[in-house]
Structures are given as structure tokens and as C-alpha cells.
Amino acid sequence: MLQQGQCCRLRKAVGERVNQITNVREAQSALYRALYSALIERFNVTSYNQINQRDFLSALQFIYTWK
């Protein structure tokens, strides 16, 4: 599992990515849900904070390249 600082970094990365895609408030909430769902599915966990520490950098890369 990720450490608290790593969880914060992933949350920040998700926010940055969503803001890169759109700054339309109504669209952002759907993008947040979609990105977190994709992240959970990609790493086969039930919550992003359950991602294995060894997968932390891969998770960041996934977030930054997600479309």
C-alpha cells in the first residue's frame, strides 16, 4: 500500500490531469470519476490508496498519460 505522501501525490496528479483536459466545472466531476475508475481498474485494486508502492511511478505515469 502507498504511504500517505504518495496518496497525496496521486490525488494532486489526478487534479492536475483533469485540469489539463478541461476547466469546465461540470465536466470535471465526470473526469475525476473516470480517471479514478481507470486507475483502480488498471492496478486491480478497490481504492487508489491500495496501489502497491512498487507501482507508484507507474500509477503517476498512467495518470499523466490518461485520455
Protein backbone atom coordinates (compact mmCIF):
# COMPACT_ATOMS: atom_id res chain seq x y z
CA MET A 1 0.00 0.00 0.00
CA LEU A 2 1.02 3.56 -0.61
CA GLN A 3 2.29 5.88 2.08
CA GLN A 4 0.24 8.96 2.92
CA GLY A 5 2.56 11.27 0.96
CA GLN A 6 2.29 9.08 -2.10
CA CYS A 7 -1.52 9.11 -1.87
CA CYS A 8 -1.43 12.90 -1.71
CA ARG A 9 0.82 12.99 -4.76
CA LEU A 10 -1.56 10.78 -6.74
CA ARG A 11 -4.55 12.94 -5.76
CA LYS A 12 -2.65 16.04 -6.85
CA ALA A 13 -1.68 14.38 -10.15
CA VAL A 14 -5.31 13.44 -10.81
CA GLY A 15 -6.38 17.04 -10.22
CA GLU A 16 -3.65 18.36 -12.49
CA ARG A 17 -4.59 15.93 -15.25
CA VAL A 18 -8.29 16.75 -15.07
CA ASN A 19 -7.46 20.47 -15.21
CA GLN A 20 -5.24 19.86 -18.25
CA ILE A 21 -8.12 18.19 -20.04
CA THR A 22 -10.80 20.76 -19.20
CA ASN A 23 -11.53 23.64 -16.89
CA VAL A 24 -15.30 23.32 -17.37
CA ARG A 25 -16.53 22.60 -13.86
CA GLU A 26 -19.47 20.45 -14.95
CA ALA A 27 -17.21 18.16 -16.97
CA GLN A 28 -14.52 17.85 -14.29
CA SER A 29 -16.50 15.72 -11.86
CA ALA A 30 -17.15 13.10 -14.54
CA LEU A 31 -13.47 13.12 -15.49
CA TYR A 32 -12.41 12.67 -11.87
CA ARG A 33 -14.67 9.63 -11.57
CA ALA A 34 -13.50 8.21 -14.88
CA LEU A 35 -9.81 8.68 -14.09
CA TYR A 36 -10.05 7.17 -10.61
CA SER A 37 -12.06 4.25 -12.03
CA ALA A 38 -9.46 3.68 -14.74
CA LEU A 39 -6.65 3.85 -12.17
CA ILE A 40 -8.39 1.34 -9.90
CA GLU A 41 -9.06 -0.99 -12.81
CA ARG A 42 -5.52 -0.69 -14.19
CA PHE A 43 -3.92 -1.65 -10.87
CA ASN A 44 -6.63 -4.13 -9.88
CA VAL A 45 -7.44 -2.57 -6.50
CA THR A 46 -10.63 -1.33 -4.86
CA SER A 47 -9.20 2.08 -3.95
CA TYR A 48 -6.27 4.06 -5.35
CA ASN A 49 -4.57 4.10 -1.94
CA GLN A 50 -4.25 0.30 -2.15
CA ILE A 51 -1.88 0.55 -5.10
CA ASN A 52 1.37 -1.20 -4.29
CA GLN A 53 4.34 1.07 -3.52
CA ARG A 54 6.38 -0.54 -6.29
CA ASP A 55 3.68 0.63 -8.73
CA PHE A 56 3.67 4.26 -7.57
CA LEU A 57 5.68 5.65 -10.50
CA SER A 58 3.67 3.58 -12.96
CA ALA A 59 0.49 4.99 -11.44
CA LEU A 60 1.78 8.55 -11.87
CA GLN A 61 2.70 7.83 -15.47
CA PHE A 62 -0.74 6.32 -16.06
CA ILE A 63 -2.40 9.45 -14.69
CA TYR A 64 -0.30 11.86 -16.73
CA THR A 65 -0.96 9.97 -19.98
CA TRP A 66 -4.63 9.13 -19.36
CA LYS A 67 -7.07 10.40 -22.01
